[in-house]
Each structure stands twice: as structure tokens, then as C-alpha cells.
Amino acid sequence: MDLMRPSSLEQAQKMVQRYADAEPEALKRDFHNSLCAAYRPEEVREQLAQCGLETLQLEVVSDRHLIVWGPLPN
């Protein structure tokens, strides 16, 4: 499971306010930077395909998380 990049900087800021508003500024900044540095689902799917890992599944499990799971190829 990992963070998923939001569609805009504005959306990233809204997520920081929603999930980390009471945290110290340093943690808010780190969360924002992590969101902005994360991959989008389509980028992860492309990376999996390039590595021959099409047996793995990708699911978006929240507004900010995705998970990759499944059997590895033999």
C-alpha cells in the first residue's frame, strides 16, 4: 500500500487539511510533499507491465491510497 498522487496541488492541500490539520507544520509539509511525489494508478500499472508483473492487481482503496497485490509470476 502506498500514497497516490492527487490530481492537483489544490486537492493535495485539501487532503493535508483534512487528515493532518492538527499536526505540526513539519509533518503537514512532509505529508504534502509525499502526496505530490506519489505515483498515480496509471503510472503504477505501466511500471508493473514494463516489469512483467501483470499478475499483480492494483486497487485504489481510499482517496489517498492504492494497493498492489497478488501472485508473482513464476
PDB file of N, CA and C in Angstrom:
ATOM      1  N   MET A   1       0.852  -1.175   0.000  1.00  0.00           N
ATOM      2  CA  MET A   1       0.000   0.000   0.000  1.00  0.00           C
ATOM      3  C   MET A   1       0.889   1.227   0.000  1.00  0.00           C
ATOM      4  N   ASP A   2       0.439   2.236  -0.721  1.00  0.00           N
ATOM      5  CA  ASP A   2       1.225   3.463  -0.802  1.00  0.00           C
ATOM      6  C   ASP A   2       0.279   4.636  -1.054  1.00  0.00           C
ATOM      7  N   LEU A   3       0.830   5.824  -0.890  1.00  0.00           N
ATOM      8  CA  LEU A   3       0.069   7.024  -1.223  1.00  0.00           C
ATOM      9  C   LEU A   3      -0.119   7.123  -2.729  1.00  0.00           C
ATOM     10  N   MET A   4      -1.139   7.848  -3.116  1.00  0.00           N
ATOM     11  CA  MET A   4      -1.476   8.070  -4.516  1.00  0.00           C
ATOM     12  C   MET A   4      -1.493   9.573  -4.743  1.00  0.00           C
ATOM     13  N   ARG A   5      -0.866  10.016  -5.831  1.00  0.00           N
ATOM     14  CA  ARG A   5      -0.788  11.450  -6.111  1.00  0.00           C
ATOM     15  C   ARG A   5      -2.159  12.004  -6.474  1.00  0.00           C
ATOM     16  N   PRO A   6      -2.579  13.072  -5.820  1.00  0.00           N
ATOM     17  CA  PRO A   6      -3.851  13.723  -6.161  1.00  0.00           C
ATOM     18  C   PRO A   6      -3.772  14.367  -7.548  1.00  0.00           C
ATOM     19  N   SER A   7      -4.910  14.734  -8.065  1.00  0.00           N
ATOM     20  CA  SER A   7      -4.977  15.294  -9.416  1.00  0.00           C
ATOM     21  C   SER A   7      -4.496  16.741  -9.495  1.00  0.00           C
ATOM     22  N   SER A   8      -4.368  17.428  -8.352  1.00  0.00           N
ATOM     23  CA  SER A   8      -3.931  18.829  -8.377  1.00  0.00           C
ATOM     24  C   SER A   8      -3.269  19.195  -7.046  1.00  0.00           C
ATOM     25  N   LEU A   9      -2.528  20.290  -7.075  1.00  0.00           N
ATOM     26  CA  LEU A   9      -1.940  20.804  -5.838  1.00  0.00           C
ATOM     27  C   LEU A   9      -3.021  21.249  -4.860  1.00  0.00           C
ATOM     28  N   GLU A  10      -4.109  21.787  -5.392  1.00  0.00           N
ATOM     29  CA  GLU A  10      -5.226  22.203  -4.539  1.00  0.00           C
ATOM     30  C   GLU A  10      -5.823  21.000  -3.807  1.00  0.00           C
ATOM     31  N   GLN A  11      -5.982  19.894  -4.516  1.00  0.00           N
ATOM     32  CA  GLN A  11      -6.512  18.690  -3.879  1.00  0.00           C
ATOM     33  C   GLN A  11      -5.537  18.165  -2.819  1.00  0.00           C
ATOM     34  N   ALA A  12      -4.246  18.235  -3.093  1.00  0.00           N
ATOM     35  CA  ALA A  12      -3.250  17.806  -2.103  1.00  0.00           C
ATOM     36  C   ALA A  12      -3.365  18.655  -0.837  1.00  0.00           C
ATOM     37  N   GLN A  13      -3.520  19.959  -1.003  1.00  0.00           N
ATOM     38  CA  GLN A  13      -3.653  20.837   0.154  1.00  0.00           C
ATOM     39  C   GLN A  13      -4.922  20.531   0.945  1.00  0.00           C
ATOM     40  N   LYS A  14      -6.005  20.221   0.258  1.00  0.00           N
ATOM     41  CA  LYS A  14      -7.249  19.859   0.945  1.00  0.00           C
ATOM     42  C   LYS A  14      -7.068  18.575   1.747  1.00  0.00           C
ATOM     43  N   MET A  15      -6.308  17.626   1.210  1.00  0.00           N
ATOM     44  CA  MET A  15      -6.052  16.375   1.940  1.00  0.00           C
ATOM     45  C   MET A  15      -5.210  16.643   3.187  1.00  0.00           C
ATOM     46  N   VAL A  16      -4.239  17.513   3.055  1.00  0.00           N
ATOM     47  CA  VAL A  16      -3.425  17.870   4.228  1.00  0.00           C
ATOM     48  C   VAL A  16      -4.324  18.486   5.295  1.00  0.00           C
ATOM     49  N   GLN A  17      -5.200  19.382   4.905  1.00  0.00           N
ATOM     50  CA  GLN A  17      -6.121  19.995   5.875  1.00  0.00           C
ATOM     51  C   GLN A  17      -7.039  18.953   6.490  1.00  0.00           C
ATOM     52  N   ARG A  18      -7.531  18.019   5.685  1.00  0.00           N
ATOM     53  CA  ARG A  18      -8.473  17.008   6.183  1.00  0.00           C
ATOM     54  C   ARG A  18      -7.809  16.027   7.134  1.00  0.00           C
ATOM     55  N   TYR A  19      -6.610  15.556   6.793  1.00  0.00           N
ATOM     56  CA  TYR A  19      -6.006  14.452   7.532  1.00  0.00           C
ATOM     57  C   TYR A  19      -4.881  14.855   8.478  1.00  0.00           C
ATOM     58  N   ALA A  20      -4.350  16.055   8.355  1.00  0.00           N
ATOM     59  CA  ALA A  20      -3.189  16.419   9.181  1.00  0.00           C
ATOM     60  C   ALA A  20      -3.283  17.833   9.739  1.00  0.00           C
ATOM     61  N   ASP A  21      -4.452  18.408   9.760  1.00  0.00           N
ATOM     62  CA  ASP A  21      -4.601  19.811  10.160  1.00  0.00           C
ATOM     63  C   ASP A  21      -4.071  20.096  11.565  1.00  0.00           C
ATOM     64  N   ALA A  22      -4.192  19.142  12.467  1.00  0.00           N
ATOM     65  CA  ALA A  22      -3.765  19.372  13.852  1.00  0.00           C
ATOM     66  C   ALA A  22      -2.295  19.026  14.080  1.00  0.00           C
ATOM     67  N   GLU A  23      -1.607  18.588  13.036  1.00  0.00           N
ATOM     68  CA  GLU A  23      -0.207  18.170  13.175  1.00  0.00           C
ATOM     69  C   GLU A  23       0.732  19.373  13.058  1.00  0.00           C
ATOM     70  N   PRO A  24       1.969  19.207  13.546  1.00  0.00           N
ATOM     71  CA  PRO A  24       2.963  20.278  13.395  1.00  0.00           C
ATOM     72  C   PRO A  24       3.218  20.587  11.905  1.00  0.00           C
ATOM     73  N   GLU A  25       3.649  21.800  11.644  1.00  0.00           N
ATOM     74  CA  GLU A  25       3.877  22.248  10.266  1.00  0.00           C
ATOM     75  C   GLU A  25       4.832  21.330   9.504  1.00  0.00           C
ATOM     76  N   ALA A  26       5.862  20.837  10.182  1.00  0.00           N
ATOM     77  CA  ALA A  26       6.826  19.958   9.511  1.00  0.00           C
ATOM     78  C   ALA A  26       6.150  18.683   8.999  1.00  0.00           C
ATOM     79  N   LEU A  27       5.237  18.118   9.785  1.00  0.00           N
ATOM     80  CA  LEU A  27       4.537  16.911   9.351  1.00  0.00           C
ATOM     81  C   LEU A  27       3.555  17.215   8.227  1.00  0.00           C
ATOM     82  N   LYS A  28       2.889  18.355   8.303  1.00  0.00           N
ATOM     83  CA  LYS A  28       1.994  18.756   7.212  1.00  0.00           C
ATOM     84  C   LYS A  28       2.779  18.909   5.907  1.00  0.00           C
ATOM     85  N   ARG A  29       3.923  19.547   6.002  1.00  0.00           N
ATOM     86  CA  ARG A  29       4.765  19.755   4.815  1.00  0.00           C
ATOM     87  C   ARG A  29       5.230  18.405   4.250  1.00  0.00           C
ATOM     88  N   ASP A  30       5.653  17.498   5.117  1.00  0.00           N
ATOM     89  CA  ASP A  30       6.102  16.180   4.669  1.00  0.00           C
ATOM     90  C   ASP A  30       4.963  15.400   4.010  1.00  0.00           C
ATOM     91  N   PHE A  31       3.778  15.463   4.587  1.00  0.00           N
ATOM     92  CA  PHE A  31       2.619  14.773   4.020  1.00  0.00           C
ATOM     93  C   PHE A  31       2.304  15.345   2.644  1.00  0.00           C
ATOM     94  N   HIS A  32       2.285  16.677   2.537  1.00  0.00           N
ATOM     95  CA  HIS A  32       2.016  17.328   1.249  1.00  0.00           C
ATOM     96  C   HIS A  32       3.053  16.915   0.211  1.00  0.00           C
ATOM     97  N   ASN A  33       4.321  16.955   0.592  1.00  0.00           N
ATOM     98  CA  ASN A  33       5.384  16.567  -0.333  1.00  0.00           C
ATOM     99  C   ASN A  33       5.270  15.099  -0.738  1.00  0.00           C
ATOM    100  N   SER A  34       4.910  14.243   0.197  1.00  0.00           N
ATOM    101  CA  SER A  34       4.733  12.819  -0.112  1.00  0.00           C
ATOM    102  C   SER A  34       3.576  12.599  -1.080  1.00  0.00           C
ATOM    103  N   LEU A  35       2.478  13.305  -0.864  1.00  0.00           N
ATOM    104  CA  LEU A  35       1.355  13.201  -1.792  1.00  0.00           C
ATOM    105  C   LEU A  35       1.771  13.635  -3.192  1.00  0.00           C
ATOM    106  N   CYS A  36       2.487  14.739  -3.285  1.00  0.00           N
ATOM    107  CA  CYS A  36       2.880  15.277  -4.589  1.00  0.00           C
ATOM    108  C   CYS A  36       3.925  14.414  -5.290  1.00  0.00           C
ATOM    109  N   ALA A  37       4.690  13.641  -4.521  1.00  0.00           N
ATOM    110  CA  ALA A  37       5.722  12.788  -5.101  1.00  0.00           C
ATOM    111  C   ALA A  37       5.224  11.383  -5.429  1.00  0.00           C
ATOM    112  N   ALA A  38       4.031  11.043  -4.982  1.00  0.00           N
ATOM    113  CA  ALA A  38       3.493   9.699  -5.191  1.00  0.00           C
ATOM    114  C   ALA A  38       3.135   9.478  -6.661  1.00  0.00           C
ATOM    115  N   TYR A  39       2.982   8.204  -7.022  1.00  0.00           N
ATOM    116  CA  TYR A  39       2.558   7.846  -8.377  1.00  0.00           C
ATOM    117  C   TYR A  39       1.043   7.796  -8.465  1.00  0.00           C
ATOM    118  N   ARG A  40       0.541   7.980  -9.650  1.00  0.00           N
ATOM    119  CA  ARG A  40      -0.881   7.782  -9.932  1.00  0.00           C
ATOM    120  C   ARG A  40      -1.089   6.330 -10.353  1.00  0.00           C
ATOM    121  N   PRO A  41      -2.307   5.803 -10.194  1.00  0.00           N
ATOM    122  CA  PRO A  41      -2.552   4.394 -10.523  1.00  0.00           C
ATOM    123  C   PRO A  41      -2.099   4.012 -11.935  1.00  0.00           C
ATOM    124  N   GLU A  42      -2.367   4.860 -12.924  1.00  0.00           N
ATOM    125  CA  GLU A  42      -1.990   4.511 -14.292  1.00  0.00           C
ATOM    126  C   GLU A  42      -0.468   4.417 -14.452  1.00  0.00           C
ATOM    127  N   GLU A  43       0.274   5.197 -13.681  1.00  0.00           N
ATOM    128  CA  GLU A  43       1.734   5.124 -13.726  1.00  0.00           C
ATOM    129  C   GLU A  43       2.224   3.814 -13.117  1.00  0.00           C
ATOM    130  N   VAL A  44       1.595   3.391 -12.025  1.00  0.00           N
ATOM    131  CA  VAL A  44       1.982   2.130 -11.388  1.00  0.00           C
ATOM    132  C   VAL A  44       1.643   0.960 -12.306  1.00  0.00           C
ATOM    133  N   ARG A  45       0.470   0.985 -12.933  1.00  0.00           N
ATOM    134  CA  ARG A  45       0.107  -0.088 -13.869  1.00  0.00           C
ATOM    135  C   ARG A  45       1.131  -0.196 -14.999  1.00  0.00           C
ATOM    136  N   GLU A  46       1.556   0.927 -15.528  1.00  0.00           N
ATOM    137  CA  GLU A  46       2.561   0.936 -16.589  1.00  0.00           C
ATOM    138  C   GLU A  46       3.885   0.352 -16.092  1.00  0.00           C
ATOM    139  N   GLN A  47       4.289   0.704 -14.882  1.00  0.00           N
ATOM    140  CA  GLN A  47       5.528   0.167 -14.317  1.00  0.00           C
ATOM    141  C   GLN A  47       5.431  -1.343 -14.132  1.00  0.00           C
ATOM    142  N   LEU A  48       4.289  -1.825 -13.649  1.00  0.00           N
ATOM    143  CA  LEU A  48       4.101  -3.265 -13.468  1.00  0.00           C
ATOM    144  C   LEU A  48       4.201  -3.989 -14.806  1.00  0.00           C
ATOM    145  N   ALA A  49       3.574  -3.441 -15.831  1.00  0.00           N
ATOM    146  CA  ALA A  49       3.613  -4.057 -17.160  1.00  0.00           C
ATOM    147  C   ALA A  49       5.044  -4.082 -17.697  1.00  0.00           C
ATOM    148  N   GLN A  50       5.778  -3.003 -17.525  1.00  0.00           N
ATOM    149  CA  GLN A  50       7.163  -2.939 -18.016  1.00  0.00           C
ATOM    150  C   GLN A  50       8.058  -3.960 -17.327  1.00  0.00           C
ATOM    151  N   CYS A  51       7.697  -4.332 -16.105  1.00  0.00           N
ATOM    152  CA  CYS A  51       8.494  -5.301 -15.338  1.00  0.00           C
ATOM    153  C   CYS A  51       7.972  -6.729 -15.483  1.00  0.00           C
ATOM    154  N   GLY A  52       6.940  -6.928 -16.299  1.00  0.00           N
ATOM    155  CA  GLY A  52       6.383  -8.264 -16.472  1.00  0.00           C
ATOM    156  C   GLY A  52       5.590  -8.748 -15.276  1.00  0.00           C
ATOM    157  N   LEU A  53       5.006  -7.825 -14.542  1.00  0.00           N
ATOM    158  CA  LEU A  53       4.251  -8.175 -13.327  1.00  0.00           C
ATOM    159  C   LEU A  53       2.748  -7.999 -13.521  1.00  0.00           C
ATOM    160  N   GLU A  54       2.263  -8.404 -14.691  1.00  0.00           N
ATOM    161  CA  GLU A  54       0.833  -8.253 -14.981  1.00  0.00           C
ATOM    162  C   GLU A  54      -0.060  -9.124 -14.108  1.00  0.00           C
ATOM    163  N   THR A  55       0.527 -10.092 -13.389  1.00  0.00           N
ATOM    164  CA  THR A  55      -0.265 -10.935 -12.489  1.00  0.00           C
ATOM    165  C   THR A  55      -0.693 -10.182 -11.237  1.00  0.00           C
ATOM    166  N   LEU A  56      -0.053  -9.051 -10.961  1.00  0.00           N
ATOM    167  CA  LEU A  56      -0.407  -8.269  -9.779  1.00  0.00           C
ATOM    168  C   LEU A  56      -1.597  -7.369 -10.080  1.00  0.00           C
ATOM    169  N   GLN A  57      -2.412  -7.164  -9.076  1.00  0.00           N
ATOM    170  CA  GLN A  57      -3.594  -6.323  -9.178  1.00  0.00           C
ATOM    171  C   GLN A  57      -3.329  -4.989  -8.501  1.00  0.00           C
ATOM    172  N   LEU A  58      -3.929  -3.937  -9.005  1.00  0.00           N
ATOM    173  CA  LEU A  58      -3.845  -2.623  -8.386  1.00  0.00           C
ATOM    174  C   LEU A  58      -5.262  -2.189  -8.042  1.00  0.00           C
ATOM    175  N   GLU A  59      -5.437  -1.745  -6.802  1.00  0.00           N
ATOM    176  CA  GLU A  59      -6.734  -1.230  -6.350  1.00  0.00           C
ATOM    177  C   GLU A  59      -6.542   0.110  -5.668  1.00  0.00           C
ATOM    178  N   VAL A  60      -7.412   1.034  -5.959  1.00  0.00           N
ATOM    179  CA  VAL A  60      -7.483   2.288  -5.219  1.00  0.00           C
ATOM    180  C   VAL A  60      -8.375   1.995  -4.020  1.00  0.00           C
ATOM    181  N   VAL A  61      -7.840   2.169  -2.805  1.00  0.00           N
ATOM    182  CA  VAL A  61      -8.567   1.762  -1.600  1.00  0.00           C
ATOM    183  C   VAL A  61      -9.016   2.926  -0.727  1.00  0.00           C
ATOM    184  N   SER A  62      -8.609   4.146  -1.067  1.00  0.00           N
ATOM    185  CA  SER A  62      -9.105   5.330  -0.370  1.00  0.00           C
ATOM    186  C   SER A  62      -8.855   6.527  -1.275  1.00  0.00           C
ATOM    187  N   ASP A  63      -9.157   7.693  -0.790  1.00  0.00           N
ATOM    188  CA  ASP A  63      -8.912   8.891  -1.602  1.00  0.00           C
ATOM    189  C   ASP A  63      -7.437   9.225  -1.704  1.00  0.00           C
ATOM    190  N   ARG A  64      -6.592   8.506  -0.969  1.00  0.00           N
ATOM    191  CA  ARG A  64      -5.167   8.808  -0.971  1.00  0.00           C
ATOM    192  C   ARG A  64      -4.270   7.569  -1.005  1.00  0.00           C
ATOM    193  N   HIS A  65      -4.839   6.371  -1.051  1.00  0.00           N
ATOM    194  CA  HIS A  65      -4.043   5.142  -1.027  1.00  0.00           C
ATOM    195  C   HIS A  65      -4.387   4.218  -2.188  1.00  0.00           C
ATOM    196  N   LEU A  66      -3.354   3.520  -2.652  1.00  0.00           N
ATOM    197  CA  LEU A  66      -3.552   2.413  -3.583  1.00  0.00           C
ATOM    198  C   LEU A  66      -2.794   1.217  -3.028  1.00  0.00           C
ATOM    199  N   ILE A  67      -3.194   0.034  -3.481  1.00  0.00           N
ATOM    200  CA  ILE A  67      -2.527  -1.190  -3.046  1.00  0.00           C
ATOM    201  C   ILE A  67      -2.261  -2.046  -4.272  1.00  0.00           C
ATOM    202  N   VAL A  68      -1.115  -2.696  -4.277  1.00  0.00           N
ATOM    203  CA  VAL A  68      -0.753  -3.656  -5.312  1.00  0.00           C
ATOM    204  C   VAL A  68      -0.628  -4.999  -4.614  1.00  0.00           C
ATOM    205  N   TRP A  69      -1.285  -6.018  -5.191  1.00  0.00           N
ATOM    206  CA  TRP A  69      -1.295  -7.321  -4.533  1.00  0.00           C
ATOM    207  C   TRP A  69      -1.463  -8.421  -5.563  1.00  0.00           C
ATOM    208  N   GLY A  70      -1.191  -9.635  -5.146  1.00  0.00           N
ATOM    209  CA  GLY A  70      -1.414 -10.799  -5.989  1.00  0.00           C
ATOM    210  C   GLY A  70      -0.178 -11.665  -6.093  1.00  0.00           C
ATOM    211  N   PRO A  71      -0.314 -12.751  -6.854  1.00  0.00           N
ATOM    212  CA  PRO A  71       0.822 -13.677  -7.002  1.00  0.00           C
ATOM    213  C   PRO A  71       1.864 -13.133  -7.957  1.00  0.00           C
ATOM    214  N   LEU A  72       3.100 -13.399  -7.628  1.00  0.00           N
ATOM    215  CA  LEU A  72       4.198 -13.039  -8.530  1.00  0.00           C
ATOM    216  C   LEU A  72       4.294 -14.106  -9.618  1.00  0.00           C
ATOM    217  N   PRO A  73       4.713 -13.706 -10.820  1.00  0.00           N
ATOM    218  CA  PRO A  73       4.875 -14.709 -11.872  1.00  0.00           C
ATOM    219  C   PRO A  73       5.984 -15.686 -11.515  1.00  0.00           C
ATOM    220  N   ASN A  74       5.864 -16.894 -12.036  1.00  0.00           N
ATOM    221  CA  ASN A  74       6.897 -17.929 -11.758  1.00  0.00           C
ATOM    222  C   ASN A  74       8.151 -17.679 -12.514  1.00  0.00           C
TER     223      ASN A  74
END
